[in-house]
């Protein structure tokens, strides 16, 4: 039976938070790992632990790499040569090839490539480079590829047909990324908002990023509409996926599994 979801993004959204919340709704973790393995990429393992934050239980999902260096990337070939310690990175065409050669379903492949293309175009605009020269910044690392693929694998396994979302909260201030100290929202996220009317509210007491490029990319791909929970949806279950940043408030994505009345 098809499922509707409502994303209550009171503390932002990222790929790992969404996967955690979907697992918390009851998605079988072992079955999820079997489906994720169709990506046919090594060098990582995924973990999911049900833990309590602020006495509220939810699921903490994480991708653990065999080699350290999560979310560490440069943008141009010149930068890459100047910083060889950063290790290997991927262009959009390499990621497209990786996804297309996998055993994932056609539907998952389509969504994953759409999100990566969106992020690549945003990065190209921000850095004034052709898309073909972009080395993925914060999303080219293996853990982020797993997050994006895993999100769509989980959505497919839950047979989700419609997704709704609240206003999304983000932080303020500055964070350190590969290119230095950047404002929140980071330039890629702000560029990805161009041409949309996604309602994002910045919390002035949160001095860090809550909405990642991965998170906003997934939102753009799956959310049908924004606002309050539609009146024709009956809540069947609630799941929480935890964020990994330590902030003054409860940091989780709350996802409501619903059915239409």
Protein backbone atom coordinates (compact mmCIF):
# COMPACT_ATOMS: atom_id res chain seq x y z
CA UNK A 1 0.00 0.00 0.00
CA UNK A 2 1.36 3.41 -0.99
CA UNK A 3 2.49 5.66 1.85
CA UNK A 4 2.42 9.42 2.35
CA UNK A 5 5.09 11.15 4.43
CA UNK A 6 5.19 14.49 6.20
CA UNK A 7 8.63 15.88 6.97
CA UNK A 8 8.64 18.03 10.11
CA UNK A 9 11.93 19.84 9.50
CA UNK A 10 12.11 21.91 12.69
CA UNK A 11 15.88 21.32 12.82
CA UNK A 12 16.79 21.24 9.16
CA UNK A 13 17.40 18.22 6.96
CA UNK A 14 20.25 16.11 5.65
CA UNK A 15 20.43 12.77 3.91
CA UNK A 16 21.48 10.82 7.00
CA UNK A 17 18.72 12.41 9.12
CA UNK A 18 16.10 11.34 6.56
CA UNK A 19 17.42 7.77 6.40
CA UNK A 20 17.49 7.59 10.20
CA UNK A 21 13.88 8.74 10.43
CA UNK A 22 12.73 6.24 7.78
CA UNK A 23 14.49 3.43 9.63
CA UNK A 24 12.86 4.65 12.83
CA UNK A 25 9.47 4.25 11.13
CA UNK A 26 10.15 0.53 11.02
CA UNK A 27 12.14 -0.05 7.84
CA UNK A 28 14.14 -3.27 8.25
CA UNK A 29 17.82 -2.34 8.48
CA UNK A 30 19.18 -5.64 7.16
CA UNK A 31 16.86 -5.49 4.15
CA UNK A 32 17.89 -1.86 3.63
CA UNK A 33 21.58 -2.82 3.61
CA UNK A 34 20.89 -5.54 1.05
CA UNK A 35 19.21 -3.03 -1.26
CA UNK A 36 21.93 -0.44 -0.69
CA UNK A 37 24.56 -3.03 -1.63
CA UNK A 38 23.19 -2.86 -5.19
CA UNK A 39 25.21 0.33 -5.49
CA UNK A 40 28.18 -2.04 -5.94
CA UNK A 41 30.68 0.22 -4.18
CA UNK A 42 33.00 -0.77 -1.36
CA UNK A 43 34.94 1.20 1.20
CA UNK A 44 32.19 1.85 3.70
CA UNK A 45 29.74 0.35 6.15
CA UNK A 46 26.51 1.78 7.51
CA UNK A 47 25.32 1.79 11.11
CA UNK A 48 21.94 2.47 12.68
CA UNK A 49 21.43 2.76 16.42
CA UNK A 50 18.24 3.55 18.29
CA UNK A 51 19.27 6.03 20.95
CA UNK A 52 17.80 8.82 23.05
CA UNK A 53 18.51 12.52 22.68
CA UNK A 54 16.87 14.77 25.26
CA UNK A 55 15.05 11.61 26.46
CA UNK A 56 13.40 11.22 23.02
CA UNK A 57 14.20 8.00 21.18
CA UNK A 58 15.03 7.92 17.51
CA UNK A 59 17.55 6.43 15.08
CA UNK A 60 21.10 7.63 14.51
CA UNK A 61 22.22 6.59 11.01
CA UNK A 62 25.82 6.95 9.90
CA UNK A 63 28.15 5.97 7.08
CA UNK A 64 31.55 4.85 8.32
CA UNK A 65 34.35 4.99 5.74
CA UNK A 66 37.27 2.58 5.57
CA UNK A 67 39.51 5.60 4.87
CA UNK A 68 39.12 8.87 6.76
CA UNK A 69 38.16 12.04 4.88
CA UNK A 70 34.41 12.48 4.99
CA UNK A 71 32.97 15.37 2.98
CA UNK A 72 36.40 16.64 2.02
CA UNK A 73 36.61 17.87 -1.55
CA UNK A 74 38.03 20.53 -3.81
CA UNK A 75 36.39 22.10 -6.81
CA UNK A 76 38.73 22.53 -9.77
CA UNK A 77 41.53 20.43 -11.23
CA UNK A 78 44.00 23.18 -10.31
CA UNK A 79 42.82 23.07 -6.69
CA UNK A 80 42.93 19.30 -6.72
CA UNK A 81 46.56 19.28 -7.88
CA UNK A 82 47.45 21.89 -5.27
CA UNK A 83 45.94 19.75 -2.48
CA UNK A 84 46.84 16.11 -3.29
CA UNK A 85 46.27 15.09 0.33
CA UNK A 86 42.54 15.51 -0.23
CA UNK A 87 42.55 12.17 -2.09
CA UNK A 88 40.30 11.07 -4.97
CA UNK A 89 37.12 12.94 -5.87
CA UNK A 90 34.41 12.48 -8.49
CA UNK A 91 33.00 14.51 -11.33
CA UNK A 92 29.28 14.44 -12.12
CA UNK A 93 29.90 12.14 -15.11
CA UNK A 94 31.75 9.68 -12.87
CA UNK A 95 28.89 9.64 -10.38
CA UNK A 96 26.33 9.22 -13.19
CA UNK A 97 28.33 6.27 -14.51
CA UNK A 98 28.59 4.76 -11.05
CA UNK A 99 24.83 4.98 -10.54
CA UNK A 100 23.88 3.79 -14.03
CA UNK A 101 26.15 0.73 -13.76
CA UNK A 102 24.67 -0.25 -10.39
CA UNK A 103 21.87 -2.75 -9.79
CA UNK A 104 19.60 -0.11 -8.25
CA UNK A 105 16.10 0.26 -9.66
CA UNK A 106 15.56 2.66 -12.56
CA UNK A 107 13.43 4.84 -10.31
CA UNK A 108 16.16 5.18 -7.68
CA UNK A 109 18.79 5.85 -10.36
CA UNK A 110 16.68 8.62 -11.86
CA UNK A 111 16.16 10.40 -8.53
CA UNK A 112 19.80 10.08 -7.42
CA UNK A 113 21.19 11.43 -10.69
CA UNK A 114 18.70 14.31 -10.61
CA UNK A 115 19.89 15.36 -7.14
CA UNK A 116 23.57 15.15 -8.04
CA UNK A 117 22.96 17.11 -11.23
CA UNK A 118 21.16 19.82 -9.27
CA UNK A 119 24.04 20.11 -6.80
CA UNK A 120 26.66 20.09 -9.57
CA UNK A 121 24.91 22.92 -11.40
CA UNK A 122 24.72 24.94 -8.19
CA UNK A 123 28.42 24.41 -7.45
CA UNK A 124 29.32 25.33 -11.02
CA UNK A 125 27.39 28.57 -10.76
CA UNK A 126 28.84 29.49 -7.36
CA UNK A 127 32.42 28.86 -8.47
CA UNK A 128 31.92 30.18 -12.03
CA UNK A 129 33.10 26.95 -13.62
CA UNK A 130 31.67 24.59 -16.24
CA UNK A 131 29.79 21.68 -14.70
CA UNK A 132 32.32 19.25 -16.18
CA UNK A 133 35.07 20.83 -14.05
CA UNK A 134 33.25 20.50 -10.74
CA UNK A 135 34.74 18.12 -8.21
CA UNK A 136 31.96 17.59 -5.75
CA UNK A 137 32.28 19.78 -2.68
CA UNK A 138 30.73 18.16 0.43
CA UNK A 139 28.73 15.66 -1.65
CA UNK A 140 31.38 13.89 -3.74
CA UNK A 141 32.68 11.94 -0.77
CA UNK A 142 31.53 8.35 -0.53
CA UNK A 143 29.47 8.92 2.60
CA UNK A 144 27.32 11.51 0.83
CA UNK A 145 26.82 9.27 -2.21
CA UNK A 146 25.60 6.59 0.19
CA UNK A 147 23.29 9.10 1.92
CA UNK A 148 21.60 10.17 -1.31
CA UNK A 149 21.29 6.66 -2.70
CA UNK A 150 20.18 5.34 0.69
CA UNK A 151 17.46 7.96 1.02
CA UNK A 152 15.84 6.95 -2.26
CA UNK A 153 16.30 3.25 -1.59
CA UNK A 154 14.50 3.70 1.74
CA UNK A 155 11.69 5.72 0.16
CA UNK A 156 11.20 3.03 -2.47
CA UNK A 157 11.18 0.26 0.13
CA UNK A 158 8.46 2.08 2.09
CA UNK A 159 6.46 2.54 -1.15
CA UNK A 160 6.24 6.30 -0.63
CA UNK A 161 4.16 8.03 -3.28
CA UNK A 162 3.68 11.53 -1.83
CA UNK A 163 5.84 13.67 0.44
CA UNK A 164 4.82 16.87 2.19
CA UNK A 165 7.03 19.13 4.28
CA UNK A 166 6.80 21.83 6.92
CA UNK A 167 8.68 25.11 6.78
CA UNK A 168 12.36 24.18 7.05
CA UNK A 169 14.57 25.60 9.78
CA UNK A 170 18.21 26.46 9.15
CA UNK A 171 20.87 28.04 11.32
CA UNK A 172 22.85 31.26 10.89
CA UNK A 173 26.43 32.42 11.28
CA UNK A 174 29.42 30.85 9.54
CA UNK A 175 30.89 27.36 9.13
CA UNK A 176 34.24 26.07 7.94
CA UNK A 177 34.23 24.23 4.60
CA UNK A 178 36.90 23.26 2.05
CA UNK A 179 37.10 26.84 0.74
CA UNK A 180 37.26 28.63 4.06
CA UNK A 181 34.71 30.21 6.37
CA UNK A 182 31.33 30.47 4.65
CA UNK A 183 27.97 31.98 5.64
CA UNK A 184 24.93 29.89 6.50
CA UNK A 185 23.15 28.92 4.29
CA UNK A 186 26.31 27.88 2.44
CA UNK A 187 26.58 29.22 -1.13
CA UNK A 188 25.59 25.92 -2.78
CA UNK A 189 22.41 25.64 -0.70
CA UNK A 190 21.48 29.25 -1.41
CA UNK A 191 22.05 28.73 -5.14
CA UNK A 192 19.90 25.60 -5.09
CA UNK A 193 17.05 27.70 -3.72
CA UNK A 194 17.05 29.95 -6.80
CA UNK A 195 13.81 29.55 -8.72
CA UNK A 196 12.02 27.87 -5.80
CA UNK A 197 9.67 29.06 -3.09
CA UNK A 198 10.83 26.59 -0.45
CA UNK A 199 10.01 28.18 2.93
CA UNK A 200 13.19 28.28 5.01
CA UNK A 201 13.40 30.09 8.34
CA UNK A 202 16.76 30.90 9.89
CA UNK A 203 17.03 30.38 13.64
CA UNK A 204 19.21 33.18 14.99
CA UNK A 205 20.19 31.19 18.10
CA UNK A 206 21.63 28.31 16.04
CA UNK A 207 25.09 29.30 14.84
CA UNK A 208 25.72 26.50 12.36
CA UNK A 209 24.34 24.81 9.25
CA UNK A 210 21.18 22.70 9.57
CA UNK A 211 20.30 22.32 5.87
CA UNK A 212 22.93 20.57 3.76
CA UNK A 213 23.22 20.51 -0.05
CA UNK A 214 22.24 16.85 0.12
CA UNK A 215 19.19 17.67 2.23
CA UNK A 216 17.89 20.51 0.06
CA UNK A 217 18.54 18.44 -3.07
CA UNK A 218 16.40 15.58 -1.77
CA UNK A 219 13.67 17.99 -0.67
CA UNK A 220 13.51 19.55 -4.13
CA UNK A 221 13.24 16.12 -5.70
CA UNK A 222 10.53 14.58 -3.52
CA UNK A 223 8.39 17.18 -1.74
CA UNK A 224 5.00 17.85 -3.29
CA UNK A 225 4.02 20.86 -1.18
CA UNK A 226 5.03 22.81 1.92
CA UNK A 227 2.98 23.90 4.90
CA UNK A 228 0.94 22.31 7.67
CA UNK A 229 0.05 18.63 7.69
CA UNK A 230 -2.72 18.15 5.09
CA UNK A 231 -6.08 17.61 6.76
CA UNK A 232 -6.81 14.49 4.72
CA UNK A 233 -3.81 12.61 6.15
CA UNK A 234 -4.09 10.36 9.17
CA UNK A 235 -0.85 9.88 11.14
CA UNK A 236 0.00 6.20 11.53
CA UNK A 237 3.53 6.37 12.95
CA UNK A 238 6.21 8.90 13.94
CA UNK A 239 9.96 8.48 13.39
CA UNK A 240 12.99 10.57 14.38
CA UNK A 241 16.34 10.72 12.58
CA UNK A 242 19.08 12.49 14.50
CA UNK A 243 21.49 15.10 13.20
CA UNK A 244 25.15 14.93 14.18
CA UNK A 245 25.64 18.59 15.12
CA UNK A 246 25.47 19.58 18.76
CA UNK A 247 23.14 22.57 19.05
CA UNK A 248 21.13 24.14 21.89
CA UNK A 249 17.91 22.42 20.81
CA UNK A 250 16.65 18.93 19.99
CA UNK A 251 18.35 18.14 16.68
CA UNK A 252 16.29 15.70 14.66
CA UNK A 253 14.13 15.34 11.58
CA UNK A 254 10.65 14.13 12.51
CA UNK A 255 8.87 12.13 9.81
CA UNK A 256 5.19 11.20 9.99
CA UNK A 257 4.01 8.11 8.16
CA UNK A 258 0.46 8.78 7.02
CA UNK A 259 -2.44 7.41 5.04
CA UNK A 260 -5.15 9.32 3.28
CA UNK A 261 -8.58 9.44 4.91
